[in-house]
Protein backbone atom coordinates (compact mmCIF):
# COMPACT_ATOMS: atom_id res chain seq x y z
CA MET A 1 5.67 -129.13 -73.03
CA ARG A 2 8.65 -127.35 -71.56
CA PRO A 3 8.87 -128.49 -67.92
CA LEU A 4 10.22 -125.69 -65.74
CA ARG A 5 13.04 -127.24 -63.72
CA HIS A 6 13.37 -124.26 -61.36
CA LEU A 7 9.88 -124.68 -59.89
CA HIS A 8 9.42 -126.23 -56.46
CA ALA A 9 6.36 -126.86 -54.34
CA ALA A 10 6.85 -124.02 -51.87
CA ARG A 11 7.05 -121.50 -54.69
CA LEU A 12 3.46 -122.29 -55.65
CA LEU A 13 1.99 -121.81 -52.15
CA PRO A 14 0.95 -118.15 -52.60
CA ALA A 15 -0.91 -119.05 -55.79
CA ILE A 16 -2.52 -122.05 -54.06
CA HIS A 17 -3.73 -119.79 -51.24
CA ARG A 18 -5.29 -117.44 -53.81
CA PHE A 19 -6.94 -120.43 -55.50
CA LEU A 20 -8.42 -121.55 -52.17
CA ASP A 21 -9.85 -118.10 -51.52
CA LEU A 22 -11.65 -118.34 -54.85
CA SER A 23 -12.68 -121.99 -54.51
CA ALA A 24 -14.25 -121.43 -51.09
CA ALA A 25 -16.88 -119.08 -52.51
CA LYS A 26 -17.51 -121.22 -55.59
CA ILE A 27 -17.91 -124.52 -53.70
CA ALA A 28 -20.30 -122.87 -51.26
CA ASP A 29 -22.26 -121.24 -54.09
CA LEU A 30 -22.71 -124.54 -55.93
CA ASP A 31 -23.81 -126.34 -52.78
CA ARG A 32 -26.31 -123.60 -52.01
CA ALA A 33 -27.68 -123.21 -55.52
CA TRP A 34 -27.78 -126.80 -56.77
CA ASN A 35 -31.04 -128.75 -56.52
CA PRO A 36 -30.23 -132.49 -56.17
CA ALA A 37 -33.55 -133.27 -57.83
CA ASP A 38 -32.00 -131.98 -61.06
CA GLY A 39 -29.40 -134.74 -61.04
CA THR A 40 -25.65 -134.28 -60.73
CA PRO A 41 -23.68 -131.19 -61.77
CA VAL A 42 -21.43 -132.09 -64.71
CA PHE A 43 -20.17 -128.99 -66.54
CA THR A 44 -20.89 -125.29 -66.74
CA VAL A 45 -22.87 -123.36 -69.33
CA LYS A 46 -22.35 -119.61 -69.20
CA GLY A 47 -20.54 -120.12 -65.91
CA ARG A 48 -23.28 -122.03 -64.07
CA TYR A 49 -23.20 -125.76 -63.43
CA THR A 50 -25.71 -127.87 -65.33
CA THR A 51 -26.34 -131.58 -65.70
CA ARG A 52 -26.03 -134.01 -68.58
CA GLY A 53 -27.61 -137.42 -68.23
CA TRP A 54 -25.08 -140.02 -69.39
CA THR A 55 -23.89 -141.58 -66.14
CA GLU A 56 -23.96 -140.13 -62.65
CA TRP A 57 -20.17 -140.15 -62.28
CA THR A 58 -19.49 -136.61 -61.04
CA GLN A 59 -21.44 -136.29 -57.79
CA GLY A 60 -18.51 -137.60 -55.80
CA PHE A 61 -16.35 -134.85 -57.28
CA GLN A 62 -18.84 -132.21 -56.12
CA TYR A 63 -18.70 -133.32 -52.50
CA GLY A 64 -15.06 -134.33 -52.82
CA CYS A 65 -14.17 -130.71 -53.65
CA ALA A 66 -15.72 -129.60 -50.37
CA ILE A 67 -13.78 -132.28 -48.45
CA LEU A 68 -10.51 -131.25 -50.12
CA GLN A 69 -11.26 -127.59 -49.36
CA TYR A 70 -11.45 -128.55 -45.68
CA ASP A 71 -8.31 -130.66 -46.02
CA MET A 72 -6.36 -127.72 -47.45
CA THR A 73 -7.77 -124.90 -45.28
CA GLY A 74 -9.21 -126.41 -42.09
CA GLU A 75 -12.51 -124.57 -42.64
CA ARG A 76 -15.00 -126.84 -40.92
CA ARG A 77 -18.03 -125.62 -42.91
CA PHE A 78 -16.63 -127.50 -45.89
CA LEU A 79 -16.15 -130.68 -43.86
CA LYS A 80 -19.79 -130.35 -42.84
CA ILE A 81 -20.89 -130.03 -46.47
CA GLY A 82 -18.74 -132.92 -47.65
CA ARG A 83 -19.58 -135.30 -44.82
CA GLU A 84 -23.31 -134.61 -44.61
CA ARG A 85 -23.85 -134.74 -48.38
CA THR A 86 -21.80 -137.93 -48.69
CA ILE A 87 -23.83 -139.76 -46.07
CA ALA A 88 -27.17 -138.41 -47.32
CA ARG A 89 -26.72 -138.75 -51.07
CA MET A 90 -23.89 -141.05 -52.12
CA ALA A 91 -25.26 -144.45 -51.03
CA PRO A 92 -26.94 -145.27 -54.40
CA HIS A 93 -23.56 -145.03 -56.11
CA LEU A 94 -22.14 -147.80 -53.93
CA SER A 95 -24.44 -150.47 -55.35
CA HIS A 96 -24.72 -149.09 -58.89
CA VAL A 97 -24.18 -152.16 -61.10
CA GLY A 98 -24.27 -150.30 -64.42
CA VAL A 99 -21.11 -148.16 -64.39
CA HIS A 100 -17.32 -148.37 -64.37
CA ASP A 101 -16.94 -145.21 -62.22
CA HIS A 102 -16.96 -146.49 -58.64
CA GLY A 103 -13.45 -145.33 -57.81
CA PHE A 104 -14.32 -141.78 -58.85
CA ASN A 105 -17.45 -141.46 -56.73
CA THR A 106 -16.48 -143.57 -53.74
CA LEU A 107 -12.89 -142.59 -53.02
CA SER A 108 -13.41 -138.87 -53.58
CA THR A 109 -15.99 -138.96 -50.77
CA TYR A 110 -15.89 -141.95 -48.41
CA GLY A 111 -12.21 -142.54 -49.21
CA ASN A 112 -11.16 -138.97 -48.45
CA LEU A 113 -13.19 -138.90 -45.23
CA ARG A 114 -11.58 -142.17 -44.11
CA ARG A 115 -8.11 -140.81 -44.90
CA LEU A 116 -8.72 -137.62 -42.94
CA MET A 117 -9.93 -139.59 -39.93
CA LEU A 118 -6.88 -141.88 -40.00
CA GLU A 119 -4.63 -138.82 -40.30
CA GLY A 120 -6.24 -137.32 -37.20
CA ARG A 121 -7.65 -134.39 -39.17
CA ILE A 122 -11.19 -135.16 -38.00
CA PRO A 123 -12.18 -136.70 -34.65
CA PHE A 124 -11.84 -140.47 -34.55
CA ASP A 125 -15.17 -142.29 -34.36
CA ARG A 126 -15.06 -146.06 -34.69
CA ARG A 127 -18.60 -146.39 -36.00
CA GLU A 128 -18.15 -143.61 -38.52
CA LEU A 129 -14.91 -145.16 -39.76
CA GLU A 130 -16.68 -148.51 -40.12
CA LEU A 131 -19.34 -146.78 -42.24
CA TYR A 132 -16.71 -145.38 -44.62
CA GLU A 133 -14.93 -148.71 -44.86
CA LEU A 134 -18.13 -150.68 -45.43
CA ALA A 135 -19.01 -148.28 -48.25
CA ILE A 136 -15.59 -148.85 -49.86
CA LYS A 137 -15.87 -152.63 -49.52
CA VAL A 138 -19.30 -152.75 -51.14
CA SER A 139 -18.29 -150.38 -53.93
CA GLY A 140 -15.11 -152.30 -54.71
CA ALA A 141 -16.93 -155.63 -54.94
CA VAL A 142 -19.78 -154.25 -57.07
CA GLN A 143 -17.24 -152.73 -59.43
CA ALA A 144 -15.28 -155.99 -59.67
CA ALA A 145 -18.45 -157.88 -60.54
CA ARG A 146 -18.79 -155.94 -63.81
CA TRP A 147 -16.44 -158.39 -65.52
CA THR A 148 -15.63 -159.60 -69.02
CA ARG A 149 -13.29 -162.58 -69.35
CA THR A 150 -10.80 -162.39 -72.22
CA ALA A 151 -9.33 -165.13 -74.39
CA SER A 152 -6.03 -164.79 -72.53
CA GLY A 153 -7.69 -165.99 -69.33
CA ARG A 154 -7.57 -162.55 -67.75
CA GLY A 155 -10.30 -159.96 -68.14
CA PHE A 156 -11.47 -156.41 -67.50
CA ILE A 157 -14.11 -154.26 -65.85
CA HIS A 158 -16.34 -153.36 -68.76
CA SER A 159 -17.68 -149.87 -69.31
CA PHE A 160 -21.30 -148.79 -69.27
CA ASN A 161 -21.33 -149.49 -73.02
CA GLY A 162 -21.50 -153.20 -72.32
CA PRO A 163 -19.38 -156.36 -71.97
CA HIS A 164 -17.46 -155.69 -75.20
CA SER A 165 -16.06 -152.34 -74.01
CA LEU A 166 -12.83 -151.58 -72.10
CA PHE A 167 -12.40 -147.88 -71.28
CA SER A 168 -9.07 -146.26 -70.45
CA ASP A 169 -10.91 -144.22 -67.78
CA THR A 170 -11.33 -147.24 -65.53
CA ILE A 171 -7.63 -147.55 -64.71
CA ARG A 172 -8.05 -144.49 -62.49
CA SER A 173 -11.25 -145.87 -60.96
CA LEU A 174 -9.52 -149.21 -60.31
CA ARG A 175 -8.12 -148.05 -56.97
CA VAL A 176 -11.42 -148.77 -55.20
CA LEU A 177 -10.68 -152.49 -55.72
CA GLY A 178 -7.26 -152.04 -54.17
CA LEU A 179 -8.51 -150.34 -51.03
CA ALA A 180 -11.42 -152.77 -50.64
CA HIS A 181 -8.87 -155.60 -50.85
CA GLU A 182 -6.69 -153.92 -48.24
CA LEU A 183 -9.74 -153.80 -45.98
CA GLY A 184 -10.02 -157.58 -46.27
CA HIS A 185 -12.93 -157.79 -48.67
CA VAL A 186 -13.64 -160.21 -51.55
CA LEU A 187 -16.34 -160.56 -54.19
CA MET A 188 -18.57 -163.55 -53.48
CA ALA A 189 -19.79 -165.36 -56.60
CA GLU A 190 -22.07 -168.32 -57.33
CA GLY A 191 -21.59 -171.30 -55.04
CA ASP A 192 -20.00 -169.04 -52.40
CA ARG A 193 -16.85 -168.80 -54.51
CA PRO A 194 -14.61 -165.95 -53.28
CA ILE A 195 -13.01 -163.82 -56.02
CA SER A 196 -9.95 -161.78 -55.14
CA LEU A 197 -10.33 -158.04 -55.71
CA LEU A 198 -6.57 -157.77 -56.01
CA GLY A 199 -6.63 -160.44 -58.71
CA ARG A 200 -9.21 -158.53 -60.69
CA LEU A 201 -7.25 -155.31 -60.23
CA VAL A 202 -4.14 -156.97 -61.65
CA ASP A 203 -6.01 -158.53 -64.58
CA HIS A 204 -7.66 -155.25 -65.51
CA ALA A 205 -4.36 -153.34 -65.29
CA VAL A 206 -2.63 -155.91 -67.50
CA THR A 207 -5.42 -155.99 -70.10
CA THR A 208 -5.55 -152.19 -70.33
CA ALA A 209 -1.77 -151.87 -70.68
CA LEU A 210 -1.67 -154.45 -73.47
CA HIS A 211 -4.60 -153.12 -75.50
CA ASN A 212 -5.39 -149.46 -74.76
CA VAL A 213 -1.79 -148.19 -74.74
CA TYR A 214 0.40 -148.33 -77.84
CA TYR A 215 4.19 -148.61 -77.79
CA GLY A 216 5.30 -147.89 -81.37
CA GLU A 217 5.41 -151.60 -82.20
CA GLY A 218 3.31 -151.56 -85.36
CA ARG A 219 0.04 -152.95 -84.01
CA ASP A 220 -1.56 -150.85 -86.77
CA VAL A 221 -0.21 -148.40 -89.35
CA PHE A 222 -0.58 -145.49 -86.91
CA ASP A 223 1.37 -147.22 -84.11
CA VAL A 224 4.65 -145.48 -84.87
CA VAL A 225 5.60 -143.77 -81.58
CA PRO A 226 5.04 -144.94 -78.00
CA GLY A 227 2.24 -143.46 -75.97
CA ARG A 228 -0.80 -143.28 -78.19
CA VAL A 229 -3.88 -144.18 -76.15
CA ALA A 230 -7.17 -145.59 -77.39
CA HIS A 231 -10.14 -144.41 -75.36
CA GLU A 232 -11.83 -147.78 -75.79
CA SER A 233 -10.84 -151.30 -76.76
CA ILE A 234 -13.48 -153.58 -78.27
CA PHE A 235 -13.62 -157.31 -77.48
CA ASN A 236 -15.83 -160.09 -78.75
CA PRO A 237 -17.84 -160.88 -75.60
CA THR A 238 -18.55 -164.40 -76.83
CA ASP A 239 -14.97 -165.66 -77.07
CA GLY A 240 -13.10 -162.80 -75.33
CA ARG A 241 -10.88 -161.95 -78.29
CA TYR A 242 -9.65 -158.42 -78.90
CA ARG A 243 -11.15 -156.82 -82.02
CA CYS A 244 -10.17 -153.16 -82.47
CA PRO A 245 -9.68 -149.72 -80.90
CA SER A 246 -12.61 -147.33 -80.59
CA SER A 247 -13.43 -143.95 -79.10
CA GLN A 248 -16.53 -142.40 -77.57
CA GLN A 249 -15.21 -138.93 -76.74
CA GLY A 250 -12.12 -138.65 -78.94
CA TYR A 251 -11.79 -137.68 -82.59
CA SER A 252 -11.07 -141.21 -83.83
CA PRO A 253 -9.99 -144.65 -82.63
CA PHE A 254 -6.52 -143.95 -84.06
CA SER A 255 -5.89 -140.58 -82.41
CA THR A 256 -5.36 -139.81 -78.73
CA TRP A 257 -8.18 -138.26 -76.74
CA THR A 258 -6.03 -136.51 -74.17
CA ARG A 259 -8.28 -137.05 -71.17
CA GLY A 260 -8.14 -140.77 -71.92
CA LEU A 261 -4.34 -140.54 -71.89
CA ALA A 262 -4.56 -138.58 -68.63
CA TRP A 263 -6.52 -141.38 -66.95
CA ILE A 264 -3.82 -143.82 -68.09
CA LEU A 265 -0.99 -141.67 -66.71
CA ALA A 266 -2.61 -140.91 -63.36
CA GLY A 267 -4.11 -144.38 -62.95
CA TYR A 268 -0.91 -146.33 -63.58
CA ALA A 269 1.21 -143.92 -61.52
CA GLU A 270 -1.08 -144.48 -58.56
CA GLN A 271 -1.17 -148.24 -59.09
CA LEU A 272 2.63 -148.33 -59.17
CA GLU A 273 2.71 -146.73 -55.72
CA TYR A 274 0.23 -149.32 -54.48
CA LEU A 275 1.62 -152.45 -56.11
CA ALA A 276 5.23 -151.68 -55.19
CA GLN A 277 4.49 -151.69 -51.46
CA LEU A 278 2.65 -155.01 -51.51
CA ASP A 279 4.36 -158.20 -50.44
CA ALA A 280 5.44 -160.14 -53.54
CA ASP A 281 3.70 -163.23 -52.20
CA ALA A 282 0.34 -161.42 -52.25
CA LEU A 283 0.73 -160.79 -55.98
CA ALA A 284 2.28 -164.14 -56.89
CA PRO A 285 -1.02 -165.94 -57.67
CA PHE A 286 -1.77 -163.32 -60.32
CA MET A 287 1.59 -162.15 -61.68
CA GLU A 288 5.19 -161.81 -60.58
CA GLN A 289 5.59 -158.44 -58.89
CA ASP A 290 8.61 -157.29 -60.92
CA GLU A 291 6.88 -158.18 -64.20
CA LEU A 292 3.72 -156.36 -63.17
CA LEU A 293 5.58 -153.24 -62.07
CA HIS A 294 7.50 -153.21 -65.34
CA LEU A 295 4.28 -153.46 -67.35
CA CYS A 296 2.58 -150.65 -65.38
CA GLU A 297 5.66 -148.43 -65.51
CA ARG A 298 5.97 -148.98 -69.26
CA ALA A 299 2.37 -147.84 -69.80
CA ALA A 300 2.74 -144.81 -67.54
CA VAL A 301 6.05 -143.69 -69.07
CA ALA A 302 4.78 -144.15 -72.63
CA ALA A 303 1.79 -141.91 -71.87
CA ALA A 304 3.98 -139.40 -70.01
CA GLU A 305 6.42 -139.03 -72.89
CA PHE A 306 3.67 -138.79 -75.50
CA TYR A 307 1.98 -136.02 -73.52
CA LEU A 308 5.21 -134.04 -73.26
CA GLN A 309 5.48 -134.08 -77.06
CA HIS A 310 1.79 -133.28 -77.64
CA SER A 311 1.02 -130.47 -75.22
CA PHE A 312 1.81 -126.78 -75.29
CA ALA A 313 4.84 -125.37 -73.47
CA ASP A 314 2.67 -124.56 -70.42
CA GLY A 315 1.36 -128.14 -70.16
CA ILE A 316 -2.11 -127.68 -71.68
CA PRO A 317 -3.11 -130.11 -74.49
CA PHE A 318 -5.65 -130.06 -77.25
CA TRP A 319 -8.74 -132.14 -76.50
CA ASP A 320 -7.48 -134.72 -79.04
CA THR A 321 -4.03 -134.85 -80.61
CA GLY A 322 -5.45 -135.89 -84.00
CA ALA A 323 -8.32 -133.41 -84.28
CA PRO A 324 -8.48 -131.72 -87.70
CA GLY A 325 -7.41 -128.24 -86.63
CA VAL A 326 -4.32 -129.35 -84.73
CA GLN A 327 -2.10 -129.49 -87.79
CA ALA A 328 -2.54 -125.75 -88.36
CA PHE A 329 -0.50 -125.09 -85.21
CA GLY A 330 2.62 -126.82 -86.53
CA LYS A 331 5.15 -127.81 -83.87
CA TYR A 332 3.27 -126.34 -80.93
CA ALA A 333 5.09 -127.99 -77.99
CA GLY A 334 7.23 -124.87 -77.60
CA GLN A 335 4.31 -122.42 -77.82
CA ALA A 336 2.01 -121.09 -75.11
CA SER A 337 -1.52 -122.48 -75.25
CA ASP A 338 -4.34 -120.29 -76.53
CA PRO A 339 -7.77 -121.39 -75.28
CA ASP A 340 -9.36 -118.57 -77.26
CA ASN A 341 -8.27 -119.93 -80.64
CA ASP A 342 -10.97 -120.66 -83.22
CA LEU A 343 -9.65 -123.98 -84.55
CA GLU A 344 -9.56 -126.64 -81.82
CA PRO A 345 -10.46 -126.59 -78.12
CA VAL A 346 -7.86 -127.27 -75.46
CA ASP A 347 -8.71 -129.37 -72.39
CA SER A 348 -7.40 -128.15 -69.06
CA SER A 349 -9.01 -131.09 -67.22
CA ALA A 350 -6.64 -133.46 -69.03
CA ALA A 351 -3.77 -131.29 -67.80
CA ALA A 352 -5.00 -131.38 -64.20
CA ILE A 353 -5.25 -135.18 -64.22
CA CYS A 354 -1.85 -135.54 -65.91
CA GLY A 355 -0.34 -133.17 -63.33
CA GLN A 356 -1.11 -135.61 -60.53
CA GLY A 357 0.08 -138.49 -62.70
CA TYR A 358 3.42 -136.79 -63.36
CA LEU A 359 3.93 -135.98 -59.68
CA ARG A 360 3.16 -139.50 -58.48
CA LEU A 361 5.16 -141.12 -61.29
CA GLY A 362 8.09 -138.83 -60.57
CA ASN A 363 7.99 -139.67 -56.87
CA TYR A 364 7.80 -143.39 -57.65
CA LEU A 365 10.77 -143.24 -60.02
CA ALA A 366 12.78 -141.16 -57.55
CA ALA A 367 12.27 -143.82 -54.90
CA ARG A 368 13.62 -146.41 -57.36
CA GLY A 369 16.71 -144.38 -58.20
CA ASP A 370 15.66 -143.01 -61.61
CA SER A 371 16.50 -139.40 -60.75
CA ALA A 372 16.63 -138.08 -64.34
CA ARG A 373 13.09 -139.04 -65.31
CA ALA A 374 11.82 -138.31 -61.81
CA SER A 375 13.07 -134.73 -61.98
CA ARG A 376 11.60 -134.22 -65.45
CA TYR A 377 8.18 -135.55 -64.54
CA ARG A 378 7.98 -133.64 -61.26
CA ALA A 379 8.89 -130.47 -63.17
CA ALA A 380 6.09 -131.24 -65.63
CA ALA A 381 3.61 -131.57 -62.74
CA LEU A 382 4.62 -128.24 -61.22
CA THR A 383 4.56 -126.54 -64.63
CA ILE A 384 0.99 -127.71 -65.18
CA ALA A 385 0.00 -126.58 -61.68
CA GLN A 386 1.50 -123.13 -62.23
CA THR A 387 -0.50 -122.79 -65.45
CA LEU A 388 -3.78 -123.85 -63.83
CA LEU A 389 -3.22 -121.42 -60.95
CA ALA A 390 -3.25 -118.40 -63.25
CA GLU A 391 -5.59 -116.87 -65.78
CA PRO A 392 -6.87 -117.72 -68.33
CA TYR A 393 -7.31 -121.16 -66.71
CA LEU A 394 -8.01 -119.98 -63.16
CA SER A 395 -11.66 -118.96 -62.80
CA THR A 396 -11.67 -115.58 -61.06
CA LYS A 397 -15.14 -114.18 -61.84
CA PRO A 398 -17.42 -114.52 -58.78
CA ARG A 399 -20.48 -115.54 -60.81
CA HIS A 400 -18.67 -118.42 -62.52
CA GLN A 401 -19.12 -121.58 -60.44
CA GLY A 402 -16.20 -123.47 -62.00
CA LEU A 403 -12.64 -123.52 -60.69
CA THR A 404 -10.62 -124.56 -63.77
CA LEU A 405 -11.64 -123.14 -67.14
CA HIS A 406 -11.43 -124.37 -70.74
CA VAL A 407 -12.54 -127.97 -70.24
CA VAL A 408 -14.03 -130.20 -72.92
CA TYR A 409 -16.50 -132.98 -72.09
CA HIS A 410 -17.83 -134.58 -75.28
CA ARG A 411 -16.76 -132.77 -78.42
CA PRO A 412 -18.14 -135.34 -80.92
CA ASN A 413 -21.62 -135.12 -79.39
CA GLY A 414 -21.52 -131.32 -79.31
CA TRP A 415 -22.32 -131.16 -75.60
CA ASP A 416 -19.84 -128.38 -74.75
CA TYR A 417 -21.04 -124.79 -74.74
CA VAL A 418 -19.85 -122.54 -77.57
CA PRO A 419 -20.14 -118.85 -76.63
CA ARG A 420 -21.93 -116.51 -79.01
CA GLY A 421 -19.60 -115.30 -81.71
CA ARG A 422 -17.17 -118.17 -81.20
CA LYS A 423 -16.59 -121.29 -83.27
CA ILE A 424 -15.46 -123.78 -80.60
CA PRO A 425 -16.12 -124.45 -76.91
CA CYS A 426 -14.14 -122.39 -74.39
CA GLY A 427 -14.42 -120.72 -71.01
CA GLU A 428 -16.29 -123.46 -69.16
CA ALA A 429 -15.49 -125.87 -66.33
CA ALA A 430 -16.40 -129.43 -65.33
CA MET A 431 -16.61 -131.26 -62.01
CA TRP A 432 -13.78 -133.68 -62.78
CA GLY A 433 -11.52 -130.81 -63.83
CA ASP A 434 -12.23 -128.86 -60.64
CA TYR A 435 -11.73 -131.92 -58.44
CA HIS A 436 -8.50 -133.10 -60.05
CA THR A 437 -7.05 -129.60 -59.94
CA MET A 438 -7.72 -129.63 -56.20
CA GLU A 439 -6.15 -133.09 -55.79
CA LEU A 440 -3.02 -131.91 -57.61
CA LEU A 441 -2.80 -128.78 -55.46
CA LEU A 442 -3.32 -130.83 -52.28
CA LEU A 443 -0.29 -132.96 -53.16
CA ILE A 444 1.82 -129.88 -53.81
CA GLN A 445 0.64 -128.11 -50.65
CA ARG A 446 1.34 -131.19 -48.53
CA GLU A 447 4.85 -131.43 -49.98
CA ALA A 448 5.58 -127.74 -49.43
CA GLU A 449 4.36 -127.91 -45.84
CA GLN A 450 6.06 -131.28 -45.19
CA LYS A 451 2.80 -132.98 -44.33
CA PRO A 452 1.78 -136.62 -45.04
CA TYR A 453 1.67 -137.71 -48.67
CA PRO A 454 -1.90 -138.77 -49.56
CA GLN A 455 -2.25 -142.26 -51.03
CA PHE A 456 -5.53 -144.10 -51.51
CA PHE A 457 -4.36 -147.30 -49.82
CA ARG A 458 -3.10 -145.73 -46.58
């Protein structure tokens, strides 16, 4: 990537306003057209949202987009959609014991509504606030209960694949444990034993940083530069020992599925903001604060630097950095991306998630006096945002329900739509791409308008 140092938040406001004009019609269209009996909208086929039964992890993004549309425009019809649909339809997700996605579903809905109420953006209602906070408490504890203990004595929240499986995705979902802890909640185990949600957050963050992120230290023959990310780490569930890397949605266990890297970058950047403001004594039972911050920063920076070297000049990456067709592009970091190529798909959703990660990581480093890296990462975030706010990534056709185009969901399984006459997927959107584009633009809009900086734990 070539981060554009001249960009600043206010310069992107006209493009953000255009985006919001487009997103208003698309969010309303999806809400009107979608039948909840069909499941959850996941990604588009020929421009219309469809479902794919794997896990129900995207419904919170659907209603979260409506809530963010209200947040960014003040149009109360979108608050009505987001609030009413959250209360009517999101409750089953709170007690879902079979997934690692609680932070995605819960904080994009109940979490955003709570934040808006505390900011004074919606009328304060004590009982309504208690509803949102109870939902977050339950969700955080249920997520923390999905636990595999490792041989080191720590552990991790295991994925829907089972107790052997640690996904990189979950570092972004981990924030629901943090907020539930801040609300005074714990997980109650056998014999009325209280388990700290903060403790499990720390253990999961440490385990992920040590196993899913590579630092060029020769853990295997492909570990030659920092920042490679394994989508999945496999553990022996009997004795808790680490076995090997794996991948569900990437090309191989030894290449980097870029959305997995994006979850690492955004997840650790957000955890750094949270962990740094805690009292050191609160963390002391689990890990010294300075050591923990160093570990999280190391993981985030490794991913950030790797992405800069393995994305196009405009900030868009391939879906996997080791996919077979990538080598045909040579040294592509200085080239503009081409989503219409016939060799390998790009993934704009990975860019949207990384954009927020870069902005938060840059802000964190700026606050700690690292102005050089802070400036570089903030420029990367704004470069990505500028790219997503323009065609071919901005969805401008009225009939297309997506907001951000050229997303890849599951390339190995062949789930992504390939248009007639084309060889690879292109031109479609996904709920997580749309939602994370909106979260990135919210951060930029708030900065440009000098409004409060959204953080999950506030």
